[in-house]
Amino acid sequence: MRLFAAVLPPQDVSDELALKVAELRKLPGAEVLRWTGVPGWHFTLAFYGEVDEDVVPELSERLERAARRTAPFPLAVRGGGVFGHGRALWAGAAGELPVLRLLAERAEAAGRRAGVEMGEHRRYKAHLTVARSREAFEVRPYLEVLDGFTSRTWTVDELALVRSNLPTSGVAGEQPRYEVVGRWALGGGG
């Protein structure tokens, strides 16, 4: 199964971002972008890729430990940026980013220790992907709109293990479906 560890924004924060994304979708050229839907919005901490089912219990145990060792922290969705020379448009984060980065490092280490092939380590950049493009596109107007956006701040109090079910229908624009397969309270609460 295709898995990743993530921080999931609460519904009201996703709703706030959805209003801003609706503005972005009205900009010239927006129709050629592949927009992610609200159910797909998350801050990926560690991407595990295809993981054998027999590895999931140990991965889950290690993620639980990582969550327990990390105190809850404040976070907001704020601003935006691009990856891949304008091929991925994302909303950023504000708040206790060092703690978010630490949680990402712990989630990556949990995967490695559970035997998941993690590939090359990259410095963590908090982002929530809102749109993708096969070609580079003019990002300046999109970034200007996102620049003034900040959601309400919430307390991140859990780490989620999410399964990504990729589209199989072949229908253009079909989105992956995400299913939370594990949740662990930060700081050992709950």
N, C-alpha and C. Protein backbone atom coordinates (compact mmCIF):
# COMPACT_ATOMS: atom_id res chain seq x y z
N MET A 1 0.83 -1.18 0.00
CA MET A 1 0.00 0.00 0.00
C MET A 1 0.87 1.25 0.00
N ARG A 2 0.38 2.31 -0.62
CA ARG A 2 1.12 3.57 -0.76
C ARG A 2 0.81 4.44 0.45
N LEU A 3 1.84 4.76 1.25
CA LEU A 3 1.63 5.43 2.53
C LEU A 3 2.49 6.68 2.70
N PHE A 4 2.00 7.58 3.54
CA PHE A 4 2.79 8.73 3.98
C PHE A 4 2.32 9.16 5.36
N ALA A 5 3.20 9.82 6.10
CA ALA A 5 2.86 10.40 7.39
C ALA A 5 2.53 11.87 7.15
N ALA A 6 1.53 12.38 7.89
CA ALA A 6 1.08 13.75 7.61
C ALA A 6 0.49 14.42 8.83
N VAL A 7 0.42 15.74 8.74
CA VAL A 7 -0.38 16.58 9.62
C VAL A 7 -1.56 17.02 8.77
N LEU A 8 -2.77 16.79 9.29
CA LEU A 8 -3.99 17.14 8.56
C LEU A 8 -4.60 18.39 9.17
N PRO A 9 -4.86 19.41 8.35
CA PRO A 9 -5.49 20.61 8.90
C PRO A 9 -6.95 20.32 9.27
N PRO A 10 -7.47 21.00 10.30
CA PRO A 10 -8.88 20.81 10.65
C PRO A 10 -9.79 21.34 9.52
N GLN A 11 -11.02 20.87 9.50
CA GLN A 11 -11.94 21.21 8.42
C GLN A 11 -12.13 22.71 8.25
N ASP A 12 -12.26 23.46 9.34
CA ASP A 12 -12.49 24.90 9.19
C ASP A 12 -11.29 25.60 8.56
N VAL A 13 -10.09 25.12 8.82
CA VAL A 13 -8.90 25.70 8.19
C VAL A 13 -8.89 25.35 6.70
N SER A 14 -9.24 24.12 6.37
CA SER A 14 -9.35 23.74 4.95
C SER A 14 -10.41 24.58 4.25
N ASP A 15 -11.51 24.86 4.95
CA ASP A 15 -12.57 25.70 4.36
C ASP A 15 -12.06 27.12 4.08
N GLU A 16 -11.25 27.66 5.01
CA GLU A 16 -10.66 28.98 4.79
C GLU A 16 -9.78 28.98 3.55
N LEU A 17 -8.92 27.96 3.46
CA LEU A 17 -8.03 27.86 2.30
C LEU A 17 -8.83 27.65 1.02
N ALA A 18 -9.91 26.91 1.09
CA ALA A 18 -10.74 26.66 -0.10
C ALA A 18 -11.27 27.97 -0.68
N LEU A 19 -11.61 28.92 0.17
CA LEU A 19 -12.07 30.23 -0.32
C LEU A 19 -10.96 30.95 -1.08
N LYS A 20 -9.74 30.86 -0.58
CA LYS A 20 -8.60 31.50 -1.25
C LYS A 20 -8.30 30.78 -2.57
N VAL A 21 -8.36 29.46 -2.56
CA VAL A 21 -8.10 28.69 -3.78
C VAL A 21 -9.17 29.00 -4.84
N ALA A 22 -10.41 29.26 -4.40
CA ALA A 22 -11.46 29.65 -5.35
C ALA A 22 -11.06 30.93 -6.08
N GLU A 23 -10.40 31.86 -5.39
CA GLU A 23 -9.88 33.07 -6.04
C GLU A 23 -8.80 32.72 -7.06
N LEU A 24 -7.91 31.82 -6.68
CA LEU A 24 -6.83 31.41 -7.58
C LEU A 24 -7.39 30.79 -8.86
N ARG A 25 -8.45 30.03 -8.73
CA ARG A 25 -9.02 29.32 -9.87
C ARG A 25 -9.69 30.26 -10.87
N LYS A 26 -9.87 31.53 -10.48
CA LYS A 26 -10.45 32.53 -11.38
C LYS A 26 -9.39 33.29 -12.18
N LEU A 27 -8.11 33.06 -11.85
CA LEU A 27 -7.03 33.77 -12.53
C LEU A 27 -6.85 33.23 -13.95
N PRO A 28 -6.36 34.07 -14.86
CA PRO A 28 -6.11 33.61 -16.23
C PRO A 28 -5.14 32.43 -16.25
N GLY A 29 -5.48 31.40 -17.00
CA GLY A 29 -4.64 30.22 -17.14
C GLY A 29 -4.91 29.15 -16.10
N ALA A 30 -5.75 29.43 -15.12
CA ALA A 30 -6.00 28.47 -14.04
C ALA A 30 -6.66 27.19 -14.53
N GLU A 31 -7.34 27.27 -15.65
CA GLU A 31 -8.07 26.09 -16.14
C GLU A 31 -7.13 24.97 -16.60
N VAL A 32 -5.86 25.27 -16.88
CA VAL A 32 -4.94 24.22 -17.31
C VAL A 32 -4.24 23.53 -16.13
N LEU A 33 -4.43 24.06 -14.94
CA LEU A 33 -3.82 23.45 -13.76
C LEU A 33 -4.69 22.30 -13.24
N ARG A 34 -4.04 21.34 -12.61
CA ARG A 34 -4.75 20.24 -11.94
C ARG A 34 -4.82 20.61 -10.46
N TRP A 35 -6.01 20.96 -10.02
CA TRP A 35 -6.22 21.45 -8.67
C TRP A 35 -6.48 20.29 -7.72
N THR A 36 -5.84 20.31 -6.56
CA THR A 36 -6.12 19.28 -5.56
C THR A 36 -7.38 19.69 -4.81
N GLY A 37 -8.12 18.71 -4.38
CA GLY A 37 -9.35 18.98 -3.64
C GLY A 37 -9.10 19.03 -2.14
N VAL A 38 -10.05 19.60 -1.42
CA VAL A 38 -9.94 19.72 0.03
C VAL A 38 -9.60 18.38 0.70
N PRO A 39 -10.22 17.26 0.29
CA PRO A 39 -9.88 15.99 0.96
C PRO A 39 -8.41 15.59 0.81
N GLY A 40 -7.73 16.15 -0.17
CA GLY A 40 -6.32 15.81 -0.39
C GLY A 40 -5.34 16.76 0.25
N TRP A 41 -5.81 17.74 1.00
CA TRP A 41 -4.90 18.72 1.59
C TRP A 41 -4.30 18.20 2.88
N HIS A 42 -2.99 18.24 2.92
CA HIS A 42 -2.25 17.75 4.09
C HIS A 42 -0.81 18.28 4.01
N PHE A 43 -0.16 18.30 5.15
CA PHE A 43 1.27 18.59 5.21
C PHE A 43 1.97 17.25 5.32
N THR A 44 2.55 16.77 4.21
CA THR A 44 3.28 15.51 4.24
C THR A 44 4.51 15.67 5.12
N LEU A 45 4.72 14.73 6.01
CA LEU A 45 5.90 14.72 6.87
C LEU A 45 6.96 13.79 6.30
N ALA A 46 6.53 12.62 5.86
CA ALA A 46 7.43 11.62 5.28
C ALA A 46 6.63 10.79 4.28
N PHE A 47 7.17 10.64 3.08
CA PHE A 47 6.52 9.82 2.06
C PHE A 47 7.20 8.46 2.05
N TYR A 48 6.41 7.41 2.24
CA TYR A 48 6.96 6.06 2.32
C TYR A 48 6.82 5.28 1.02
N GLY A 49 5.94 5.70 0.14
CA GLY A 49 5.72 4.97 -1.10
C GLY A 49 5.02 3.65 -0.83
N GLU A 50 5.31 2.66 -1.69
CA GLU A 50 4.70 1.34 -1.53
C GLU A 50 5.34 0.61 -0.34
N VAL A 51 4.49 0.23 0.60
CA VAL A 51 4.94 -0.43 1.83
C VAL A 51 4.21 -1.77 1.94
N ASP A 52 4.96 -2.84 2.16
CA ASP A 52 4.35 -4.16 2.37
C ASP A 52 3.51 -4.14 3.64
N GLU A 53 2.38 -4.82 3.59
CA GLU A 53 1.48 -4.84 4.75
C GLU A 53 2.14 -5.37 6.01
N ASP A 54 3.09 -6.29 5.86
CA ASP A 54 3.74 -6.84 7.05
C ASP A 54 4.69 -5.84 7.73
N VAL A 55 5.00 -4.72 7.07
CA VAL A 55 5.85 -3.68 7.64
C VAL A 55 5.02 -2.66 8.42
N VAL A 56 3.74 -2.56 8.10
CA VAL A 56 2.87 -1.52 8.67
C VAL A 56 2.81 -1.57 10.20
N PRO A 57 2.70 -2.74 10.84
CA PRO A 57 2.67 -2.72 12.31
C PRO A 57 3.91 -2.10 12.95
N GLU A 58 5.09 -2.42 12.45
CA GLU A 58 6.30 -1.84 13.03
C GLU A 58 6.38 -0.34 12.71
N LEU A 59 6.02 0.04 11.50
CA LEU A 59 6.00 1.45 11.13
C LEU A 59 5.04 2.20 12.05
N SER A 60 3.88 1.63 12.28
CA SER A 60 2.88 2.27 13.15
C SER A 60 3.41 2.43 14.57
N GLU A 61 4.06 1.40 15.07
CA GLU A 61 4.63 1.45 16.42
C GLU A 61 5.67 2.57 16.52
N ARG A 62 6.50 2.68 15.51
CA ARG A 62 7.54 3.71 15.51
C ARG A 62 6.95 5.11 15.35
N LEU A 63 5.88 5.24 14.56
CA LEU A 63 5.21 6.54 14.43
C LEU A 63 4.54 6.93 15.74
N GLU A 64 3.97 5.96 16.42
CA GLU A 64 3.36 6.24 17.71
C GLU A 64 4.41 6.79 18.68
N ARG A 65 5.59 6.18 18.68
CA ARG A 65 6.69 6.64 19.53
C ARG A 65 7.11 8.07 19.14
N ALA A 66 7.20 8.33 17.85
CA ALA A 66 7.58 9.67 17.37
C ALA A 66 6.55 10.70 17.82
N ALA A 67 5.28 10.35 17.73
CA ALA A 67 4.22 11.26 18.16
C ALA A 67 4.30 11.52 19.66
N ARG A 68 4.49 10.47 20.42
CA ARG A 68 4.56 10.59 21.87
C ARG A 68 5.70 11.51 22.31
N ARG A 69 6.80 11.50 21.55
CA ARG A 69 7.98 12.29 21.89
C ARG A 69 7.87 13.75 21.43
N THR A 70 6.79 14.10 20.74
CA THR A 70 6.63 15.45 20.19
C THR A 70 5.43 16.12 20.85
N ALA A 71 5.66 17.28 21.44
CA ALA A 71 4.58 18.02 22.09
C ALA A 71 3.66 18.67 21.05
N PRO A 72 2.37 18.83 21.36
CA PRO A 72 1.48 19.57 20.47
C PRO A 72 2.04 20.97 20.21
N PHE A 73 1.71 21.53 19.04
CA PHE A 73 2.27 22.83 18.67
C PHE A 73 1.30 23.60 17.78
N PRO A 74 1.43 24.95 17.77
CA PRO A 74 0.55 25.77 16.95
C PRO A 74 1.01 25.81 15.50
N LEU A 75 0.04 25.84 14.59
CA LEU A 75 0.33 25.89 13.16
C LEU A 75 -0.80 26.63 12.45
N ALA A 76 -0.47 27.28 11.37
CA ALA A 76 -1.46 27.93 10.49
C ALA A 76 -1.00 27.71 9.06
N VAL A 77 -1.95 27.77 8.14
CA VAL A 77 -1.61 27.76 6.72
C VAL A 77 -1.35 29.21 6.35
N ARG A 78 -0.20 29.46 5.69
CA ARG A 78 0.15 30.85 5.40
C ARG A 78 0.99 30.95 4.13
N GLY A 79 0.65 31.93 3.29
CA GLY A 79 1.45 32.23 2.11
C GLY A 79 1.48 31.08 1.13
N GLY A 80 2.50 31.07 0.28
CA GLY A 80 2.62 30.01 -0.70
C GLY A 80 3.94 30.03 -1.41
N GLY A 81 4.10 29.09 -2.31
CA GLY A 81 5.33 28.98 -3.08
C GLY A 81 5.16 27.98 -4.20
N VAL A 82 6.28 27.67 -4.86
CA VAL A 82 6.25 26.73 -5.98
C VAL A 82 7.45 25.80 -5.89
N PHE A 83 7.28 24.63 -6.47
CA PHE A 83 8.35 23.67 -6.67
C PHE A 83 8.43 23.38 -8.16
N GLY A 84 9.56 22.85 -8.58
CA GLY A 84 9.69 22.35 -9.94
C GLY A 84 9.54 23.39 -11.02
N HIS A 85 10.14 24.56 -10.83
CA HIS A 85 10.08 25.63 -11.83
C HIS A 85 8.64 25.94 -12.23
N GLY A 86 7.78 26.05 -11.22
CA GLY A 86 6.40 26.43 -11.49
C GLY A 86 5.49 25.28 -11.86
N ARG A 87 5.83 24.08 -11.44
CA ARG A 87 4.96 22.93 -11.76
C ARG A 87 4.08 22.50 -10.60
N ALA A 88 4.40 22.96 -9.40
CA ALA A 88 3.57 22.64 -8.23
C ALA A 88 3.39 23.92 -7.42
N LEU A 89 2.15 24.30 -7.20
CA LEU A 89 1.79 25.47 -6.42
C LEU A 89 1.33 25.00 -5.05
N TRP A 90 1.88 25.62 -4.00
CA TRP A 90 1.53 25.16 -2.67
C TRP A 90 1.28 26.31 -1.71
N ALA A 91 0.52 26.01 -0.65
CA ALA A 91 0.33 26.92 0.47
C ALA A 91 1.35 26.52 1.53
N GLY A 92 1.87 27.51 2.22
CA GLY A 92 2.90 27.25 3.22
C GLY A 92 2.34 27.15 4.62
N ALA A 93 3.22 27.30 5.59
CA ALA A 93 2.83 27.17 7.00
C ALA A 93 3.49 28.25 7.83
N ALA A 94 2.88 28.55 8.96
CA ALA A 94 3.44 29.47 9.94
C ALA A 94 3.15 28.89 11.32
N GLY A 95 3.95 29.25 12.27
CA GLY A 95 3.79 28.73 13.62
C GLY A 95 5.09 28.12 14.09
N GLU A 96 4.99 27.05 14.83
CA GLU A 96 6.18 26.37 15.36
C GLU A 96 6.79 25.46 14.31
N LEU A 97 7.35 26.06 13.26
CA LEU A 97 7.93 25.27 12.17
C LEU A 97 9.10 24.40 12.60
N PRO A 98 9.93 24.80 13.57
CA PRO A 98 10.98 23.89 14.02
C PRO A 98 10.42 22.58 14.60
N VAL A 99 9.27 22.66 15.29
CA VAL A 99 8.67 21.45 15.84
C VAL A 99 8.07 20.60 14.72
N LEU A 100 7.45 21.26 13.73
CA LEU A 100 6.92 20.54 12.57
C LEU A 100 8.06 19.82 11.85
N ARG A 101 9.17 20.51 11.67
CA ARG A 101 10.35 19.91 11.01
C ARG A 101 10.88 18.72 11.83
N LEU A 102 10.92 18.86 13.16
CA LEU A 102 11.36 17.77 14.02
C LEU A 102 10.42 16.57 13.88
N LEU A 103 9.11 16.81 13.84
CA LEU A 103 8.15 15.72 13.66
C LEU A 103 8.36 15.04 12.31
N ALA A 104 8.66 15.82 11.28
CA ALA A 104 8.94 15.25 9.95
C ALA A 104 10.20 14.37 10.00
N GLU A 105 11.23 14.84 10.68
CA GLU A 105 12.46 14.05 10.81
C GLU A 105 12.20 12.75 11.56
N ARG A 106 11.38 12.83 12.59
CA ARG A 106 11.04 11.63 13.36
C ARG A 106 10.20 10.66 12.53
N ALA A 107 9.29 11.19 11.72
CA ALA A 107 8.47 10.33 10.86
C ALA A 107 9.33 9.65 9.80
N GLU A 108 10.30 10.38 9.26
CA GLU A 108 11.23 9.78 8.29
C GLU A 108 12.07 8.70 8.96
N ALA A 109 12.59 8.99 10.14
CA ALA A 109 13.41 8.01 10.87
C ALA A 109 12.58 6.78 11.21
N ALA A 110 11.31 6.96 11.53
CA ALA A 110 10.44 5.82 11.83
C ALA A 110 10.35 4.90 10.61
N GLY A 111 10.22 5.49 9.45
CA GLY A 111 10.18 4.69 8.23
C GLY A 111 11.46 3.93 7.99
N ARG A 112 12.57 4.62 8.11
CA ARG A 112 13.88 3.97 7.91
C ARG A 112 14.07 2.81 8.88
N ARG A 113 13.76 3.05 10.16
CA ARG A 113 13.96 2.01 11.18
C ARG A 113 13.01 0.83 11.01
N ALA A 114 11.86 1.09 10.37
CA ALA A 114 10.91 0.00 10.12
C ALA A 114 11.28 -0.77 8.85
N GLY A 115 12.32 -0.30 8.13
CA GLY A 115 12.77 -1.01 6.95
C GLY A 115 12.19 -0.49 5.64
N VAL A 116 11.57 0.69 5.68
CA VAL A 116 11.04 1.30 4.46
C VAL A 116 12.18 1.96 3.70
N GLU A 117 12.28 1.72 2.41
CA GLU A 117 13.30 2.35 1.57
C GLU A 117 12.89 3.81 1.37
N MET A 118 13.58 4.72 2.03
CA MET A 118 13.20 6.13 2.03
C MET A 118 13.88 6.96 0.95
N GLY A 119 14.90 6.44 0.32
CA GLY A 119 15.60 7.24 -0.68
C GLY A 119 16.45 8.32 -0.02
N GLU A 120 16.79 9.30 -0.81
CA GLU A 120 17.67 10.38 -0.35
C GLU A 120 16.94 11.31 0.61
N HIS A 121 17.62 11.69 1.70
CA HIS A 121 17.06 12.63 2.67
C HIS A 121 17.08 14.04 2.09
N ARG A 122 15.96 14.74 2.21
CA ARG A 122 15.88 16.14 1.79
C ARG A 122 15.43 16.99 2.97
N ARG A 123 15.92 18.21 3.00
CA ARG A 123 15.50 19.13 4.07
C ARG A 123 14.00 19.37 3.95
N TYR A 124 13.30 19.28 5.07
CA TYR A 124 11.85 19.40 5.08
C TYR A 124 11.39 20.83 4.78
N LYS A 125 10.43 20.96 3.89
CA LYS A 125 9.80 22.24 3.58
C LYS A 125 8.30 22.06 3.73
N ALA A 126 7.73 22.68 4.76
CA ALA A 126 6.29 22.54 5.02
C ALA A 126 5.49 23.13 3.87
N HIS A 127 4.64 22.31 3.26
CA HIS A 127 3.81 22.77 2.16
C HIS A 127 2.58 21.89 2.00
N LEU A 128 1.55 22.48 1.48
CA LEU A 128 0.29 21.81 1.21
C LEU A 128 -0.01 22.09 -0.26
N THR A 129 0.09 21.09 -1.12
CA THR A 129 -0.04 21.29 -2.57
C THR A 129 -1.47 21.62 -2.93
N VAL A 130 -1.66 22.72 -3.69
CA VAL A 130 -3.01 23.11 -4.12
C VAL A 130 -3.22 22.90 -5.62
N ALA A 131 -2.13 22.89 -6.41
CA ALA A 131 -2.28 22.69 -7.86
C ALA A 131 -0.97 22.19 -8.46
N ARG A 132 -1.12 21.48 -9.58
CA ARG A 132 0.04 20.99 -10.33
C ARG A 132 -0.15 21.30 -11.80
N SER A 133 0.97 21.29 -12.51
CA SER A 133 0.93 21.51 -13.96
C SER A 133 1.98 20.63 -14.61
N ARG A 134 1.68 20.16 -15.80
CA ARG A 134 2.68 19.37 -16.54
C ARG A 134 3.76 20.29 -17.11
N GLU A 135 3.42 21.53 -17.33
CA GLU A 135 4.34 22.53 -17.89
C GLU A 135 4.54 23.64 -16.86
N ALA A 136 5.67 24.31 -16.95
CA ALA A 136 5.89 25.48 -16.10
C ALA A 136 4.83 26.53 -16.45
N PHE A 137 4.35 27.27 -15.46
CA PHE A 137 3.36 28.31 -15.71
C PHE A 137 3.74 29.57 -14.95
N GLU A 138 3.14 30.67 -15.32
CA GLU A 138 3.43 31.96 -14.69
C GLU A 138 2.81 31.97 -13.30
N VAL A 139 3.65 31.89 -12.28
CA VAL A 139 3.18 31.72 -10.91
C VAL A 139 2.96 33.02 -10.16
N ARG A 140 3.52 34.11 -10.65
CA ARG A 140 3.49 35.37 -9.90
C ARG A 140 2.08 35.77 -9.43
N PRO A 141 1.05 35.76 -10.30
CA PRO A 141 -0.27 36.17 -9.82
C PRO A 141 -0.83 35.25 -8.72
N TYR A 142 -0.50 33.98 -8.80
CA TYR A 142 -0.97 33.03 -7.80
C TYR A 142 -0.29 33.28 -6.46
N LEU A 143 1.01 33.54 -6.52
CA LEU A 143 1.76 33.80 -5.29
C LEU A 143 1.33 35.11 -4.65
N GLU A 144 0.97 36.09 -5.47
CA GLU A 144 0.48 37.36 -4.92
C GLU A 144 -0.80 37.16 -4.13
N VAL A 145 -1.70 36.31 -4.63
CA VAL A 145 -2.94 36.03 -3.92
C VAL A 145 -2.65 35.26 -2.63
N LEU A 146 -1.80 34.24 -2.73
CA LEU A 146 -1.49 33.44 -1.54
C LEU A 146 -0.69 34.21 -0.50
N ASP A 147 0.11 35.19 -0.95
CA ASP A 147 0.97 35.93 -0.04
C ASP A 147 0.21 36.57 1.10
N GLY A 148 -1.00 37.04 0.83
CA GLY A 148 -1.77 37.71 1.87
C GLY A 148 -2.63 36.78 2.71
N PHE A 149 -2.52 35.48 2.49
CA PHE A 149 -3.39 34.53 3.19
C PHE A 149 -2.74 33.96 4.44
N THR A 150 -3.47 33.98 5.54
CA THR A 150 -3.10 33.25 6.75
C THR A 150 -4.39 32.71 7.36
N SER A 151 -4.43 31.40 7.57
CA SER A 151 -5.60 30.79 8.21
C SER A 151 -5.55 31.05 9.71
N ARG A 152 -6.58 30.63 10.38
CA ARG A 152 -6.54 30.67 11.85
C ARG A 152 -5.47 29.68 12.30
N THR A 153 -4.92 29.92 13.46
CA THR A 153 -3.92 29.01 14.04
C THR A 153 -4.65 27.93 14.82
N TRP A 154 -4.21 26.68 14.64
CA TRP A 154 -4.77 25.58 15.41
C TRP A 154 -3.63 24.86 16.10
N THR A 155 -3.97 24.00 17.03
CA THR A 155 -2.96 23.20 17.72
C THR A 155 -2.89 21.84 17.06
N VAL A 156 -1.73 21.53 16.50
CA VAL A 156 -1.50 20.21 15.93
C VAL A 156 -1.34 19.26 17.10
N ASP A 157 -2.23 18.28 17.19
CA ASP A 157 -2.19 17.38 18.33
C ASP A 157 -2.15 15.91 17.93
N GLU A 158 -1.97 15.66 16.62
CA GLU A 158 -1.85 14.27 16.20
C GLU A 158 -1.03 14.12 14.92
N LEU A 159 -0.50 12.94 14.77
CA LEU A 159 0.25 12.51 13.60
C LEU A 159 -0.61 11.46 12.92
N ALA A 160 -0.75 11.54 11.59
CA ALA A 160 -1.58 10.58 10.86
C ALA A 160 -0.73 9.78 9.88
N LEU A 161 -1.07 8.51 9.73
CA LEU A 161 -0.54 7.66 8.68
C LEU A 161 -1.65 7.54 7.65
N VAL A 162 -1.35 7.93 6.41
CA VAL A 162 -2.39 8.04 5.38
C VAL A 162 -2.05 7.12 4.21
N ARG A 163 -3.08 6.44 3.73
CA ARG A 163 -2.95 5.61 2.54
C ARG A 163 -3.45 6.41 1.35
N SER A 164 -2.67 6.41 0.29
CA SER A 164 -3.02 7.12 -0.95
C SER A 164 -3.47 6.08 -1.97
N ASN A 165 -4.72 6.19 -2.38
CA ASN A 165 -5.26 5.31 -3.41
C ASN A 165 -5.28 6.08 -4.72
N LEU A 166 -4.36 5.72 -5.61
CA LEU A 166 -4.23 6.45 -6.87
C LEU A 166 -5.40 6.17 -7.79
N PRO A 167 -5.75 7.14 -8.65
CA PRO A 167 -6.86 6.94 -9.59
C PRO A 167 -6.60 5.76 -10.52
N THR A 168 -7.66 5.03 -10.81
CA THR A 168 -7.53 3.88 -11.71
C THR A 168 -8.49 3.95 -12.89
N SER A 169 -9.41 4.91 -12.86
CA SER A 169 -10.45 4.95 -13.90
C SER A 169 -9.95 5.49 -15.23
N GLY A 170 -8.86 6.26 -15.19
CA GLY A 170 -8.38 6.89 -16.41
C GLY A 170 -9.14 8.16 -16.78
N VAL A 171 -10.09 8.57 -15.94
CA VAL A 171 -10.86 9.78 -16.19
C VAL A 171 -9.98 10.99 -15.88
N ALA A 172 -9.89 11.90 -16.84
CA ALA A 172 -9.06 13.10 -16.65
C ALA A 172 -9.52 13.88 -15.43
N GLY A 173 -8.57 14.30 -14.61
CA GLY A 173 -8.87 15.11 -13.44
C GLY A 173 -9.26 14.32 -12.20
N GLU A 174 -9.35 12.99 -12.31
CA GLU A 174 -9.69 12.20 -11.13
C GLU A 174 -8.58 12.36 -10.09
N GLN A 175 -8.98 12.52 -8.83
CA GLN A 175 -8.05 12.77 -7.74
C GLN A 175 -7.74 11.46 -6.99
N PRO A 176 -6.56 11.38 -6.39
CA PRO A 176 -6.30 10.25 -5.50
C PRO A 176 -7.29 10.31 -4.33
N ARG A 177 -7.56 9.19 -3.73
CA ARG A 177 -8.39 9.13 -2.53
C ARG A 177 -7.46 8.84 -1.36
N TYR A 178 -7.70 9.54 -0.25
CA TYR A 178 -6.85 9.38 0.92
C TYR A 178 -7.64 8.76 2.06
N GLU A 179 -7.00 7.83 2.74
CA GLU A 179 -7.64 7.12 3.83
C GLU A 179 -6.67 7.10 5.02
N VAL A 180 -7.11 7.65 6.14
CA VAL A 180 -6.27 7.65 7.34
C VAL A 180 -6.31 6.23 7.92
N VAL A 181 -5.13 5.61 8.04
CA VAL A 181 -5.06 4.25 8.56
C VAL A 181 -4.48 4.18 9.97
N GLY A 182 -4.02 5.32 10.49
CA GLY A 182 -3.51 5.38 11.86
C GLY A 182 -3.43 6.82 12.32
N ARG A 183 -3.72 7.04 13.60
CA ARG A 183 -3.63 8.37 14.22
C ARG A 183 -3.00 8.19 15.60
N TRP A 184 -2.06 9.09 15.91
CA TRP A 184 -1.42 9.03 17.23
C TRP A 184 -1.36 10.42 17.82
N ALA A 185 -1.75 10.54 19.07
CA ALA A 185 -1.74 11.81 19.77
C ALA A 185 -0.31 12.27 20.02
N LEU A 186 -0.07 13.54 19.81
CA LEU A 186 1.24 14.11 20.14
C LEU A 186 1.35 14.24 21.65
N GLY A 187 2.55 14.05 22.15
CA GLY A 187 2.79 14.20 23.59
C GLY A 187 2.22 13.10 24.44
N GLY A 188 1.71 12.06 23.81
CA GLY A 188 1.20 10.90 24.56
C GLY A 188 -0.18 11.09 25.13
N GLY A 189 -0.84 12.21 24.83
CA GLY A 189 -2.20 12.43 25.34
C GLY A 189 -3.21 11.61 24.58
N GLY A 190 -4.42 11.53 25.11
CA GLY A 190 -5.56 10.87 24.45
C GLY A 190 -5.42 9.45 24.38
